[in-house]
N, C-alpha and C. Protein backbone atom coordinates (compact mmCIF):
# COMPACT_ATOMS: atom_id res chain seq x y z
N UNK A 1 -77.16 20.38 -45.65
CA UNK A 1 -77.10 19.53 -44.50
C UNK A 1 -78.00 18.30 -44.71
N UNK A 2 -79.18 18.49 -45.27
CA UNK A 2 -80.07 17.37 -45.53
C UNK A 2 -79.46 16.37 -46.49
N UNK A 3 -78.76 16.88 -47.50
CA UNK A 3 -78.11 16.00 -48.47
C UNK A 3 -77.08 15.11 -47.78
N UNK A 4 -76.31 15.69 -46.87
CA UNK A 4 -75.31 14.90 -46.14
C UNK A 4 -75.98 13.84 -45.25
N UNK A 5 -77.09 14.20 -44.60
CA UNK A 5 -77.78 13.26 -43.74
C UNK A 5 -78.29 12.07 -44.54
N UNK A 6 -78.99 12.35 -45.65
CA UNK A 6 -79.57 11.27 -46.42
C UNK A 6 -78.50 10.48 -47.19
N UNK A 7 -77.43 11.13 -47.62
CA UNK A 7 -76.34 10.40 -48.27
C UNK A 7 -75.65 9.48 -47.26
N UNK A 8 -75.46 9.98 -46.04
CA UNK A 8 -74.89 9.14 -44.99
C UNK A 8 -75.80 7.97 -44.64
N UNK A 9 -77.10 8.23 -44.61
CA UNK A 9 -78.06 7.16 -44.34
C UNK A 9 -78.04 6.11 -45.43
N UNK A 10 -77.97 6.56 -46.69
CA UNK A 10 -77.91 5.62 -47.80
C UNK A 10 -76.64 4.78 -47.73
N UNK A 11 -75.52 5.42 -47.46
CA UNK A 11 -74.26 4.69 -47.34
C UNK A 11 -74.33 3.66 -46.21
N UNK A 12 -74.93 4.06 -45.10
CA UNK A 12 -75.06 3.14 -43.97
C UNK A 12 -75.97 1.97 -44.33
N UNK A 13 -77.06 2.25 -45.04
CA UNK A 13 -77.98 1.18 -45.45
C UNK A 13 -77.26 0.20 -46.38
N UNK A 14 -76.45 0.73 -47.27
CA UNK A 14 -75.70 -0.15 -48.17
C UNK A 14 -74.71 -1.01 -47.39
N UNK A 15 -74.13 -0.46 -46.32
CA UNK A 15 -73.17 -1.22 -45.52
C UNK A 15 -73.85 -2.20 -44.57
N UNK A 16 -75.10 -1.94 -44.22
CA UNK A 16 -75.81 -2.84 -43.30
C UNK A 16 -75.92 -4.23 -43.90
N UNK A 17 -76.08 -4.31 -45.21
CA UNK A 17 -76.13 -5.62 -45.85
C UNK A 17 -74.84 -6.39 -45.65
N UNK A 18 -73.73 -5.68 -45.56
CA UNK A 18 -72.43 -6.30 -45.37
C UNK A 18 -72.15 -6.50 -43.88
N UNK A 19 -72.50 -5.50 -43.08
CA UNK A 19 -72.19 -5.53 -41.66
C UNK A 19 -73.42 -5.10 -40.84
N UNK A 20 -74.24 -6.05 -40.40
CA UNK A 20 -75.48 -5.71 -39.68
C UNK A 20 -75.26 -5.04 -38.34
N UNK A 21 -74.05 -5.04 -37.82
CA UNK A 21 -73.81 -4.40 -36.53
C UNK A 21 -73.94 -2.89 -36.61
N UNK A 22 -74.01 -2.34 -37.81
CA UNK A 22 -74.14 -0.89 -37.97
C UNK A 22 -75.60 -0.43 -37.86
N UNK A 23 -76.53 -1.36 -37.83
CA UNK A 23 -77.94 -1.01 -37.78
C UNK A 23 -78.30 -0.13 -36.58
N UNK A 24 -77.82 -0.43 -35.35
CA UNK A 24 -78.14 0.47 -34.23
C UNK A 24 -77.63 1.89 -34.43
N UNK A 25 -76.52 2.05 -35.12
CA UNK A 25 -76.01 3.39 -35.42
C UNK A 25 -76.99 4.16 -36.29
N UNK A 26 -77.52 3.50 -37.30
CA UNK A 26 -78.49 4.13 -38.19
C UNK A 26 -79.75 4.52 -37.42
N UNK A 27 -80.21 3.65 -36.54
CA UNK A 27 -81.40 3.94 -35.75
C UNK A 27 -81.15 5.12 -34.80
N UNK A 28 -79.97 5.16 -34.21
CA UNK A 28 -79.64 6.25 -33.30
C UNK A 28 -79.59 7.58 -34.04
N UNK A 29 -79.00 7.59 -35.21
CA UNK A 29 -78.95 8.83 -36.00
C UNK A 29 -80.35 9.30 -36.39
N UNK A 30 -81.24 8.36 -36.67
CA UNK A 30 -82.62 8.73 -37.01
C UNK A 30 -83.29 9.38 -35.81
N UNK A 31 -83.04 8.88 -34.62
CA UNK A 31 -83.63 9.47 -33.42
C UNK A 31 -83.02 10.83 -33.10
N UNK A 32 -81.73 10.98 -33.38
CA UNK A 32 -81.08 12.26 -33.13
C UNK A 32 -81.55 13.36 -34.08
N UNK A 33 -82.13 12.99 -35.20
CA UNK A 33 -82.63 13.97 -36.17
C UNK A 33 -84.01 14.51 -35.79
N UNK A 34 -84.67 13.91 -34.80
CA UNK A 34 -86.01 14.35 -34.43
C UNK A 34 -86.09 15.80 -33.96
N UNK A 35 -85.15 16.31 -33.17
CA UNK A 35 -85.26 17.73 -32.77
C UNK A 35 -85.28 18.68 -33.97
N UNK A 36 -84.60 18.31 -35.03
CA UNK A 36 -84.62 19.16 -36.23
C UNK A 36 -86.03 19.26 -36.82
N UNK A 37 -86.78 18.17 -36.77
CA UNK A 37 -88.14 18.22 -37.32
C UNK A 37 -89.00 19.19 -36.53
N UNK A 38 -88.87 19.17 -35.21
CA UNK A 38 -89.63 20.09 -34.38
C UNK A 38 -89.25 21.53 -34.71
N UNK A 39 -87.95 21.79 -34.81
CA UNK A 39 -87.48 23.14 -35.14
C UNK A 39 -87.99 23.58 -36.50
N UNK A 40 -87.92 22.72 -37.48
CA UNK A 40 -88.32 23.08 -38.83
C UNK A 40 -89.81 23.40 -38.91
N UNK A 41 -90.62 22.59 -38.27
CA UNK A 41 -92.06 22.84 -38.29
C UNK A 41 -92.38 24.15 -37.55
N UNK A 42 -91.73 24.38 -36.41
CA UNK A 42 -91.92 25.63 -35.68
C UNK A 42 -91.50 26.82 -36.54
N UNK A 43 -90.35 26.72 -37.17
CA UNK A 43 -89.81 27.82 -37.97
C UNK A 43 -90.75 28.16 -39.13
N UNK A 44 -91.27 27.14 -39.78
CA UNK A 44 -92.19 27.38 -40.89
C UNK A 44 -93.50 28.00 -40.40
N UNK A 45 -94.00 27.53 -39.27
CA UNK A 45 -95.29 28.00 -38.78
C UNK A 45 -95.22 29.39 -38.15
N UNK A 46 -94.20 29.64 -37.35
CA UNK A 46 -94.17 30.89 -36.57
C UNK A 46 -93.29 31.98 -37.15
N UNK A 47 -92.17 31.62 -37.76
CA UNK A 47 -91.23 32.64 -38.25
C UNK A 47 -91.54 32.99 -39.70
N UNK A 48 -91.54 32.00 -40.57
CA UNK A 48 -91.78 32.25 -41.99
C UNK A 48 -93.26 32.49 -42.29
N UNK A 49 -94.13 31.85 -41.51
CA UNK A 49 -95.58 31.91 -41.70
C UNK A 49 -96.01 31.45 -43.09
N UNK A 50 -95.28 30.46 -43.59
CA UNK A 50 -95.67 29.80 -44.83
C UNK A 50 -95.07 28.39 -44.81
N UNK A 51 -95.71 27.49 -45.55
CA UNK A 51 -95.32 26.09 -45.53
C UNK A 51 -94.58 25.74 -46.81
N UNK A 52 -93.51 25.00 -46.65
CA UNK A 52 -92.72 24.51 -47.78
C UNK A 52 -93.07 23.03 -47.95
N UNK A 53 -93.74 22.66 -49.05
CA UNK A 53 -94.12 21.25 -49.23
C UNK A 53 -92.93 20.30 -49.25
N UNK A 54 -91.84 20.70 -49.86
CA UNK A 54 -90.65 19.84 -49.89
C UNK A 54 -90.10 19.65 -48.48
N UNK A 55 -90.05 20.73 -47.72
CA UNK A 55 -89.55 20.64 -46.34
C UNK A 55 -90.44 19.74 -45.49
N UNK A 56 -91.74 19.86 -45.66
CA UNK A 56 -92.66 19.01 -44.91
C UNK A 56 -92.50 17.54 -45.31
N UNK A 57 -92.20 17.30 -46.58
CA UNK A 57 -91.95 15.93 -47.03
C UNK A 57 -90.71 15.35 -46.38
N UNK A 58 -89.67 16.17 -46.28
CA UNK A 58 -88.43 15.73 -45.62
C UNK A 58 -88.71 15.44 -44.14
N UNK A 59 -89.50 16.30 -43.50
CA UNK A 59 -89.83 16.08 -42.10
C UNK A 59 -90.61 14.78 -41.92
N UNK A 60 -91.50 14.49 -42.86
CA UNK A 60 -92.27 13.24 -42.80
C UNK A 60 -91.34 12.03 -42.91
N UNK A 61 -90.36 12.11 -43.78
CA UNK A 61 -89.39 11.00 -43.92
C UNK A 61 -88.59 10.84 -42.64
N UNK A 62 -88.15 11.94 -42.04
CA UNK A 62 -87.38 11.87 -40.80
C UNK A 62 -88.21 11.27 -39.67
N UNK A 63 -89.47 11.66 -39.59
CA UNK A 63 -90.35 11.11 -38.55
C UNK A 63 -90.60 9.62 -38.79
N UNK A 64 -90.77 9.23 -40.06
CA UNK A 64 -90.96 7.81 -40.38
C UNK A 64 -89.73 7.00 -40.00
N UNK A 65 -88.55 7.54 -40.28
CA UNK A 65 -87.31 6.86 -39.89
C UNK A 65 -87.24 6.69 -38.37
N UNK A 66 -87.64 7.72 -37.63
CA UNK A 66 -87.59 7.65 -36.17
C UNK A 66 -88.58 6.60 -35.65
N UNK A 67 -89.75 6.52 -36.26
CA UNK A 67 -90.73 5.52 -35.83
C UNK A 67 -90.19 4.12 -36.07
N UNK A 68 -89.58 3.92 -37.22
CA UNK A 68 -88.97 2.62 -37.51
C UNK A 68 -87.86 2.32 -36.52
N UNK A 69 -87.05 3.33 -36.20
CA UNK A 69 -85.95 3.14 -35.25
C UNK A 69 -86.47 2.74 -33.88
N UNK A 70 -87.54 3.39 -33.42
CA UNK A 70 -88.09 3.07 -32.10
C UNK A 70 -88.61 1.64 -32.07
N UNK A 71 -89.22 1.20 -33.16
CA UNK A 71 -89.76 -0.15 -33.16
C UNK A 71 -88.67 -1.22 -33.33
N UNK A 72 -87.52 -0.84 -33.87
CA UNK A 72 -86.47 -1.83 -34.14
C UNK A 72 -85.36 -1.87 -33.09
N UNK A 73 -85.18 -0.79 -32.34
CA UNK A 73 -84.12 -0.79 -31.34
C UNK A 73 -84.46 -1.74 -30.21
N UNK A 74 -83.50 -2.51 -29.80
CA UNK A 74 -83.74 -3.41 -28.67
C UNK A 74 -83.39 -2.67 -27.39
N UNK A 75 -84.12 -2.94 -26.32
CA UNK A 75 -83.85 -2.24 -25.07
C UNK A 75 -82.49 -2.66 -24.50
N UNK A 76 -81.92 -1.77 -23.72
CA UNK A 76 -80.65 -2.09 -23.07
C UNK A 76 -80.87 -3.15 -22.00
N UNK A 77 -79.92 -4.03 -21.83
CA UNK A 77 -80.08 -5.06 -20.78
C UNK A 77 -80.13 -4.42 -19.40
N UNK A 78 -81.01 -4.90 -18.56
CA UNK A 78 -81.14 -4.33 -17.21
C UNK A 78 -80.36 -5.12 -16.18
N UNK A 79 -79.99 -6.34 -16.50
CA UNK A 79 -79.21 -7.15 -15.57
C UNK A 79 -77.95 -7.62 -16.27
N UNK A 80 -76.96 -7.84 -15.50
CA UNK A 80 -75.70 -8.32 -16.04
C UNK A 80 -75.83 -9.81 -16.40
N UNK A 81 -75.22 -10.22 -17.49
CA UNK A 81 -75.29 -11.64 -17.84
C UNK A 81 -74.50 -12.47 -16.83
N UNK A 82 -74.91 -13.73 -16.64
CA UNK A 82 -74.19 -14.59 -15.68
C UNK A 82 -72.77 -14.85 -16.15
N UNK A 83 -71.90 -14.99 -15.20
CA UNK A 83 -70.47 -15.20 -15.51
C UNK A 83 -70.19 -16.67 -15.68
């Protein structure tokens, strides 16, 4: 599953250079991956009771992507544009 996520992200990044309108999609997907990081850290800490360095590295990348997404996403307009 992680391979598909990162391969899709790479493909999207390659397409962003051609079509910048896809950037919000990439940011949204990064934010949607955040619940997985919480689950993974919980699972390692409470269920497995051991830490996987590779898994923690992946979680760090996902969190970094989410931070970038939050800083780059523009807020939704609150008022309708004039006609």
